[in-house]
Amino acid sequence: MPNRVGLTYRFDEKALSYERALREVGLEPVRLHPDQQPRTLEGLDGLLLSGGSDINPALYHQAPHPETDKPDDARDEMEGRLLRQVLERNLPVLAICRGMQLFNVLHPGGSLQQHIEEHSVRLPQAGLTAHTIAVEAGTRLAAIMGPGTQEVNSRHHQAVDRVGAGLRVSAVSPDGVIEGVERTDLRFAVAVQWHPEDRVLSSASDRKLFAALAKAVGS
């Protein structure tokens, strides 16, 4: 029986690419929706926090920017609770885009840039290369993808500002946007700003990220 990984999401159509990516590496996704059951870690071996709308700025003690999405407090609550439990239990977690932003905010002192200036916003079609990143040598991300330059696919208008306590920056884009953070004291707690789920069939490095999650879940 495949290992089961919880997949948080809001809209059904948005969950499909994450489910495909997880199944490509032998994992069975279990949908976790803020308005439906199940919403617990019972029977799960790991967690994937997916992309989506902006996190409520109240979680990092800021007033909302005019460009910030209307809060989805139910999703923030569910994902925050599950993430805390996963980290406490040392279960593997991969956090993507919005997931990385929540990952950062839930660590003390972590905050976000609520709206990146227009020249820095990357909104390509799914699957296309948006820009390069520099992966920091000696990080878990480097052990997975390789250190140095990697091509990624991004679509976001917010990014990590202050890095939360206990997190290490693992990747940065050429314009200084933080593209990866991780916990070095846990089995597998990796967060990335881009969308590797879009390119598991076309990008070896993105597939390696999901394969690493599968290995950690099965260990």
C-alpha atoms as a PDB file:
ATOM      1  CA  MET A   1       0.000   0.000   0.000  1.00  0.00           C
ATOM      2  CA  PRO A   2       1.419   3.442  -0.906  1.00  0.00           C
ATOM      3  CA  ASN A   3       2.316   5.900   1.797  1.00  0.00           C
ATOM      4  CA  ARG A   4      -0.410   8.506   2.241  1.00  0.00           C
ATOM      5  CA  VAL A   5       0.314  12.242   2.181  1.00  0.00           C
ATOM      6  CA  GLY A   6      -2.200  14.904   3.148  1.00  0.00           C
ATOM      7  CA  LEU A   7      -2.763  17.514   0.433  1.00  0.00           C
ATOM      8  CA  THR A   8      -4.251  20.830   1.513  1.00  0.00           C
ATOM      9  CA  TYR A   9      -6.237  22.764  -1.071  1.00  0.00           C
ATOM     10  CA  ARG A  10      -9.222  25.070  -1.649  1.00  0.00           C
ATOM     11  CA  PHE A  11     -10.379  24.396  -5.236  1.00  0.00           C
ATOM     12  CA  ASP A  12     -10.734  20.923  -6.778  1.00  0.00           C
ATOM     13  CA  GLU A  13      -9.119  21.841 -10.096  1.00  0.00           C
ATOM     14  CA  LYS A  14      -6.074  23.266  -8.332  1.00  0.00           C
ATOM     15  CA  ALA A  15      -5.476  19.999  -6.472  1.00  0.00           C
ATOM     16  CA  LEU A  16      -5.055  17.915  -9.627  1.00  0.00           C
ATOM     17  CA  SER A  17      -1.463  18.836 -10.505  1.00  0.00           C
ATOM     18  CA  TYR A  18      -0.297  18.160  -6.949  1.00  0.00           C
ATOM     19  CA  GLU A  19      -2.070  14.808  -6.932  1.00  0.00           C
ATOM     20  CA  ARG A  20      -0.426  13.824 -10.211  1.00  0.00           C
ATOM     21  CA  ALA A  21       2.994  14.790  -8.901  1.00  0.00           C
ATOM     22  CA  LEU A  22       2.554  12.776  -5.707  1.00  0.00           C
ATOM     23  CA  ARG A  23       1.341   9.714  -7.587  1.00  0.00           C
ATOM     24  CA  GLU A  24       4.273   9.959 -10.002  1.00  0.00           C
ATOM     25  CA  VAL A  25       6.604   9.166  -7.083  1.00  0.00           C
ATOM     26  CA  GLY A  26       4.420   6.443  -5.571  1.00  0.00           C
ATOM     27  CA  LEU A  27       2.568   8.462  -2.922  1.00  0.00           C
ATOM     28  CA  GLU A  28      -1.181   8.440  -2.367  1.00  0.00           C
ATOM     29  CA  PRO A  29      -2.635  11.946  -1.881  1.00  0.00           C
ATOM     30  CA  VAL A  30      -5.401  12.460   0.642  1.00  0.00           C
ATOM     31  CA  ARG A  31      -7.308  15.696   0.113  1.00  0.00           C
ATOM     32  CA  LEU A  32      -7.635  18.022   3.109  1.00  0.00           C
ATOM     33  CA  HIS A  33     -10.181  20.769   2.506  1.00  0.00           C
ATOM     34  CA  PRO A  34     -11.000  23.442   5.116  1.00  0.00           C
ATOM     35  CA  ASP A  35     -14.749  22.821   4.751  1.00  0.00           C
ATOM     36  CA  GLN A  36     -14.731  19.032   4.477  1.00  0.00           C
ATOM     37  CA  GLN A  37     -13.597  15.961   6.381  1.00  0.00           C
ATOM     38  CA  PRO A  38     -11.024  14.587   7.027  1.00  0.00           C
ATOM     39  CA  ARG A  39      -9.041  17.522   8.353  1.00  0.00           C
ATOM     40  CA  THR A  40      -6.595  15.629  10.554  1.00  0.00           C
ATOM     41  CA  LEU A  41      -3.292  13.793  10.218  1.00  0.00           C
ATOM     42  CA  GLU A  42      -4.826  10.468  11.225  1.00  0.00           C
ATOM     43  CA  GLY A  43      -3.505   7.719   8.966  1.00  0.00           C
ATOM     44  CA  LEU A  44      -1.153  10.082   7.116  1.00  0.00           C
ATOM     45  CA  ASP A  45       2.605   9.769   6.689  1.00  0.00           C
ATOM     46  CA  GLY A  46       3.357  13.337   5.599  1.00  0.00           C
ATOM     47  CA  LEU A  47       1.896  16.639   4.415  1.00  0.00           C
ATOM     48  CA  LEU A  48       1.971  18.797   1.292  1.00  0.00           C
ATOM     49  CA  LEU A  49       0.887  22.430   1.642  1.00  0.00           C
ATOM     50  CA  SER A  50      -0.206  23.667  -1.779  1.00  0.00           C
ATOM     51  CA  GLY A  51      -0.393  27.086  -3.405  1.00  0.00           C
ATOM     52  CA  GLY A  52      -3.381  29.400  -3.357  1.00  0.00           C
ATOM     53  CA  SER A  53      -4.614  32.731  -2.089  1.00  0.00           C
ATOM     54  CA  ASP A  54      -2.758  35.068   0.257  1.00  0.00           C
ATOM     55  CA  ILE A  55      -2.395  34.404   3.966  1.00  0.00           C
ATOM     56  CA  ASN A  56      -4.171  36.769   6.329  1.00  0.00           C
ATOM     57  CA  PRO A  57      -1.589  39.466   7.196  1.00  0.00           C
ATOM     58  CA  ALA A  58      -2.944  39.507  10.746  1.00  0.00           C
ATOM     59  CA  LEU A  59      -0.975  36.278  11.264  1.00  0.00           C
ATOM     60  CA  TYR A  60       2.236  38.293  10.964  1.00  0.00           C
ATOM     61  CA  HIS A  61       0.884  41.437  12.602  1.00  0.00           C
ATOM     62  CA  GLN A  62       0.371  43.608   9.529  1.00  0.00           C
ATOM     63  CA  ALA A  63      -2.553  45.462   8.022  1.00  0.00           C
ATOM     64  CA  PRO A  64      -3.543  44.215   4.554  1.00  0.00           C
ATOM     65  CA  HIS A  65      -1.988  45.783   1.468  1.00  0.00           C
ATOM     66  CA  PRO A  66      -4.526  46.932  -1.165  1.00  0.00           C
ATOM     67  CA  GLU A  67      -3.339  44.109  -3.459  1.00  0.00           C
ATOM     68  CA  THR A  68      -3.619  41.393  -0.806  1.00  0.00           C
ATOM     69  CA  ASP A  69      -6.374  38.810  -1.303  1.00  0.00           C
ATOM     70  CA  LYS A  70      -9.407  38.611   0.951  1.00  0.00           C
ATOM     71  CA  PRO A  71      -8.449  36.302   3.834  1.00  0.00           C
ATOM     72  CA  ASP A  72      -9.328  32.624   3.772  1.00  0.00           C
ATOM     73  CA  ASP A  73      -9.298  32.202   7.533  1.00  0.00           C
ATOM     74  CA  ALA A  74     -10.679  28.664   7.454  1.00  0.00           C
ATOM     75  CA  ARG A  75      -7.800  27.513   5.276  1.00  0.00           C
ATOM     76  CA  ASP A  76      -5.237  29.451   7.309  1.00  0.00           C
ATOM     77  CA  GLU A  77      -6.520  27.804  10.486  1.00  0.00           C
ATOM     78  CA  MET A  78      -6.556  24.272   9.074  1.00  0.00           C
ATOM     79  CA  GLU A  79      -3.139  24.485   7.456  1.00  0.00           C
ATOM     80  CA  GLY A  80      -1.572  26.213  10.430  1.00  0.00           C
ATOM     81  CA  ARG A  81      -2.872  23.544  12.797  1.00  0.00           C
ATOM     82  CA  LEU A  82      -1.750  20.675  10.570  1.00  0.00           C
ATOM     83  CA  LEU A  83       1.663  22.209   9.956  1.00  0.00           C
ATOM     84  CA  ARG A  84       2.293  22.675  13.661  1.00  0.00           C
ATOM     85  CA  GLN A  85       1.350  19.041  14.294  1.00  0.00           C
ATOM     86  CA  VAL A  86       3.574  17.761  11.491  1.00  0.00           C
ATOM     87  CA  LEU A  87       6.546  19.743  12.773  1.00  0.00           C
ATOM     88  CA  GLU A  88       5.933  18.594  16.361  1.00  0.00           C
ATOM     89  CA  ARG A  89       5.745  14.957  15.247  1.00  0.00           C
ATOM     90  CA  ASN A  90       8.693  15.294  12.848  1.00  0.00           C
ATOM     91  CA  LEU A  91       6.676  14.035   9.880  1.00  0.00           C
ATOM     92  CA  PRO A  92       7.857  15.007   6.377  1.00  0.00           C
ATOM     93  CA  VAL A  93       6.366  18.187   4.925  1.00  0.00           C
ATOM     94  CA  LEU A  94       6.765  19.888   1.553  1.00  0.00           C
ATOM     95  CA  ALA A  95       5.365  23.435   1.367  1.00  0.00           C
ATOM     96  CA  ILE A  96       4.796  25.063  -2.041  1.00  0.00           C
ATOM     97  CA  CYS A  97       4.199  28.768  -2.855  1.00  0.00           C
ATOM     98  CA  ARG A  98       1.453  29.852  -0.409  1.00  0.00           C
ATOM     99  CA  GLY A  99       2.561  26.840   1.634  1.00  0.00           C
ATOM    100  CA  MET A 100       6.084  28.223   1.915  1.00  0.00           C
ATOM    101  CA  GLN A 101       4.725  31.593   2.973  1.00  0.00           C
ATOM    102  CA  LEU A 102       2.654  29.984   5.729  1.00  0.00           C
ATOM    103  CA  PHE A 103       5.651  27.843   6.690  1.00  0.00           C
ATOM    104  CA  ASN A 104       7.663  31.026   7.207  1.00  0.00           C
ATOM    105  CA  VAL A 105       4.926  32.949   9.021  1.00  0.00           C
ATOM    106  CA  LEU A 106       4.313  30.129  11.490  1.00  0.00           C
ATOM    107  CA  HIS A 107       7.896  30.358  12.704  1.00  0.00           C
ATOM    108  CA  PRO A 108       8.523  33.201  15.184  1.00  0.00           C
ATOM    109  CA  GLY A 109       9.228  36.548  13.549  1.00  0.00           C
ATOM    110  CA  GLY A 110       8.435  35.357  10.034  1.00  0.00           C
ATOM    111  CA  SER A 111       6.722  37.894   7.764  1.00  0.00           C
ATOM    112  CA  LEU A 112       5.908  38.478   4.096  1.00  0.00           C
ATOM    113  CA  GLN A 113       6.247  41.137   1.439  1.00  0.00           C
ATOM    114  CA  GLN A 114       2.576  41.580   0.639  1.00  0.00           C
ATOM    115  CA  HIS A 115       3.056  42.813  -2.905  1.00  0.00           C
ATOM    116  CA  ILE A 116       6.199  42.588  -4.993  1.00  0.00           C
ATOM    117  CA  GLU A 117       6.790  45.467  -7.379  1.00  0.00           C
ATOM    118  CA  GLU A 118       5.589  44.806 -10.924  1.00  0.00           C
ATOM    119  CA  HIS A 119       9.017  44.194 -12.414  1.00  0.00           C
ATOM    120  CA  SER A 120       9.556  41.300 -10.040  1.00  0.00           C
ATOM    121  CA  VAL A 121       6.205  39.531 -10.413  1.00  0.00           C
ATOM    122  CA  ARG A 122       6.446  36.287 -12.384  1.00  0.00           C
ATOM    123  CA  LEU A 123       3.211  34.892 -13.814  1.00  0.00           C
ATOM    124  CA  PRO A 124       4.075  32.402 -16.580  1.00  0.00           C
ATOM    125  CA  GLN A 125       1.851  29.696 -17.919  1.00  0.00           C
ATOM    126  CA  ALA A 126       1.962  26.461 -15.956  1.00  0.00           C
ATOM    127  CA  GLY A 127       5.007  24.376 -16.787  1.00  0.00           C
ATOM    128  CA  LEU A 128       7.134  27.105 -18.354  1.00  0.00           C
ATOM    129  CA  THR A 129      10.421  28.384 -16.985  1.00  0.00           C
ATOM    130  CA  ALA A 130       9.958  31.728 -15.253  1.00  0.00           C
ATOM    131  CA  HIS A 131      13.472  32.468 -14.025  1.00  0.00           C
ATOM    132  CA  THR A 132      16.514  30.943 -12.395  1.00  0.00           C
ATOM    133  CA  ILE A 133      17.320  30.482  -8.728  1.00  0.00           C
ATOM    134  CA  ALA A 134      20.579  29.951  -6.873  1.00  0.00           C
ATOM    135  CA  VAL A 135      20.403  26.939  -4.549  1.00  0.00           C
ATOM    136  CA  GLU A 136      22.590  27.327  -1.481  1.00  0.00           C
ATOM    137  CA  ALA A 137      25.288  24.672  -1.095  1.00  0.00           C
ATOM    138  CA  GLY A 138      25.053  22.577   2.054  1.00  0.00           C
ATOM    139  CA  THR A 139      21.261  22.765   2.327  1.00  0.00           C
ATOM    140  CA  ARG A 140      18.769  19.924   2.112  1.00  0.00           C
ATOM    141  CA  LEU A 141      17.492  21.489  -1.106  1.00  0.00           C
ATOM    142  CA  ALA A 142      20.977  21.346  -2.592  1.00  0.00           C
ATOM    143  CA  ALA A 143      21.285  17.691  -1.625  1.00  0.00           C
ATOM    144  CA  ILE A 144      18.054  17.047  -3.544  1.00  0.00           C
ATOM    145  CA  MET A 145      18.352  19.256  -6.626  1.00  0.00           C
ATOM    146  CA  GLY A 146      22.023  20.127  -6.678  1.00  0.00           C
ATOM    147  CA  PRO A 147      23.631  23.437  -5.645  1.00  0.00           C
ATOM    148  CA  GLY A 148      23.893  26.446  -7.903  1.00  0.00           C
ATOM    149  CA  THR A 149      21.634  27.569 -10.729  1.00  0.00           C
ATOM    150  CA  GLN A 150      18.278  25.883 -11.347  1.00  0.00           C
ATOM    151  CA  GLU A 151      15.372  26.863 -13.584  1.00  0.00           C
ATOM    152  CA  VAL A 152      11.936  27.139 -11.958  1.00  0.00           C
ATOM    153  CA  ASN A 153       8.331  27.989 -12.727  1.00  0.00           C
ATOM    154  CA  SER A 154       6.780  30.721 -10.529  1.00  0.00           C
ATOM    155  CA  ARG A 155       3.515  32.594 -10.220  1.00  0.00           C
ATOM    156  CA  HIS A 156       3.124  34.716  -7.110  1.00  0.00           C
ATOM    157  CA  HIS A 157       2.927  38.311  -5.954  1.00  0.00           C
ATOM    158  CA  GLN A 158       4.025  37.803  -2.351  1.00  0.00           C
ATOM    159  CA  ALA A 159       7.276  36.511  -0.896  1.00  0.00           C
ATOM    160  CA  VAL A 160       9.177  35.938   2.341  1.00  0.00           C
ATOM    161  CA  ASP A 161      10.358  39.135   4.007  1.00  0.00           C
ATOM    162  CA  ARG A 162      11.728  38.407   7.506  1.00  0.00           C
ATOM    163  CA  VAL A 163      12.787  34.778   7.773  1.00  0.00           C
ATOM    164  CA  GLY A 164      11.197  32.944  10.690  1.00  0.00           C
ATOM    165  CA  ALA A 165      13.332  31.763  13.586  1.00  0.00           C
ATOM    166  CA  GLY A 166      14.884  28.351  13.056  1.00  0.00           C
ATOM    167  CA  LEU A 167      14.622  28.481   9.264  1.00  0.00           C
ATOM    168  CA  ARG A 168      17.518  28.453   6.809  1.00  0.00           C
ATOM    169  CA  VAL A 169      17.276  30.134   3.416  1.00  0.00           C
ATOM    170  CA  SER A 170      18.028  27.500   0.774  1.00  0.00           C
ATOM    171  CA  ALA A 171      17.460  29.368  -2.510  1.00  0.00           C
ATOM    172  CA  VAL A 172      17.252  32.956  -3.816  1.00  0.00           C
ATOM    173  CA  SER A 173      16.276  34.384  -7.215  1.00  0.00           C
ATOM    174  CA  PRO A 174      18.494  36.869  -9.092  1.00  0.00           C
ATOM    175  CA  ASP A 175      16.331  39.784  -7.930  1.00  0.00           C
ATOM    176  CA  GLY A 176      16.738  38.785  -4.283  1.00  0.00           C
ATOM    177  CA  VAL A 177      13.404  37.039  -3.711  1.00  0.00           C
ATOM    178  CA  ILE A 178      13.758  34.147  -1.255  1.00  0.00           C
ATOM    179  CA  GLU A 179      12.796  30.987  -3.148  1.00  0.00           C
ATOM    180  CA  GLY A 180      13.396  28.299  -0.529  1.00  0.00           C
ATOM    181  CA  VAL A 181      13.543  27.848   3.240  1.00  0.00           C
ATOM    182  CA  GLU A 182      13.918  24.724   5.340  1.00  0.00           C
ATOM    183  CA  ARG A 183      14.320  23.305   8.832  1.00  0.00           C
ATOM    184  CA  THR A 184      17.656  21.592   9.290  1.00  0.00           C
ATOM    185  CA  ASP A 185      16.706  19.929  12.584  1.00  0.00           C
ATOM    186  CA  LEU A 186      13.862  17.789  11.204  1.00  0.00           C
ATOM    187  CA  ARG A 187      13.637  14.733   8.926  1.00  0.00           C
ATOM    188  CA  PHE A 188      12.194  16.624   5.963  1.00  0.00           C
ATOM    189  CA  ALA A 189      10.753  20.133   6.279  1.00  0.00           C
ATOM    190  CA  VAL A 190      11.325  21.844   2.921  1.00  0.00           C
ATOM    191  CA  ALA A 191       9.525  24.857   1.469  1.00  0.00           C
ATOM    192  CA  VAL A 192       9.824  26.339  -2.032  1.00  0.00           C
ATOM    193  CA  GLN A 193       8.266  29.418  -3.621  1.00  0.00           C
ATOM    194  CA  TRP A 194       7.923  28.007  -7.137  1.00  0.00           C
ATOM    195  CA  HIS A 195       5.577  25.304  -8.508  1.00  0.00           C
ATOM    196  CA  PRO A 196       7.498  22.034  -8.980  1.00  0.00           C
ATOM    197  CA  GLU A 197       4.239  20.081  -9.332  1.00  0.00           C
ATOM    198  CA  ASP A 198       3.769  21.591 -12.797  1.00  0.00           C
ATOM    199  CA  ARG A 199       6.978  20.109 -14.175  1.00  0.00           C
ATOM    200  CA  VAL A 200       7.563  16.684 -12.650  1.00  0.00           C
ATOM    201  CA  LEU A 201       7.436  15.158 -16.142  1.00  0.00           C
ATOM    202  CA  SER A 202       9.699  17.718 -17.813  1.00  0.00           C
ATOM    203  CA  SER A 203      12.147  18.847 -15.111  1.00  0.00           C
ATOM    204  CA  ALA A 204      14.472  16.349 -13.454  1.00  0.00           C
ATOM    205  CA  SER A 205      15.182  18.699 -10.542  1.00  0.00           C
ATOM    206  CA  ASP A 206      11.486  19.258  -9.802  1.00  0.00           C
ATOM    207  CA  ARG A 207      10.802  15.538  -9.916  1.00  0.00           C
ATOM    208  CA  LYS A 208      13.690  14.982  -7.483  1.00  0.00           C
ATOM    209  CA  LEU A 209      11.920  17.228  -4.976  1.00  0.00           C
ATOM    210  CA  PHE A 210       8.865  14.969  -4.940  1.00  0.00           C
ATOM    211  CA  ALA A 211      11.027  11.851  -4.984  1.00  0.00           C
ATOM    212  CA  ALA A 212      12.851  13.160  -1.911  1.00  0.00           C
ATOM    213  CA  LEU A 213       9.529  13.667  -0.164  1.00  0.00           C
ATOM    214  CA  ALA A 214       8.560  10.082  -1.031  1.00  0.00           C
ATOM    215  CA  LYS A 215      11.851   8.774   0.322  1.00  0.00           C
ATOM    216  CA  ALA A 216      11.443  10.718   3.556  1.00  0.00           C
ATOM    217  CA  VAL A 217       7.852   9.554   3.966  1.00  0.00           C
ATOM    218  CA  GLY A 218       8.892   5.934   3.461  1.00  0.00           C
ATOM    219  CA  SER A 219      11.863   6.030   5.813  1.00  0.00           C
END
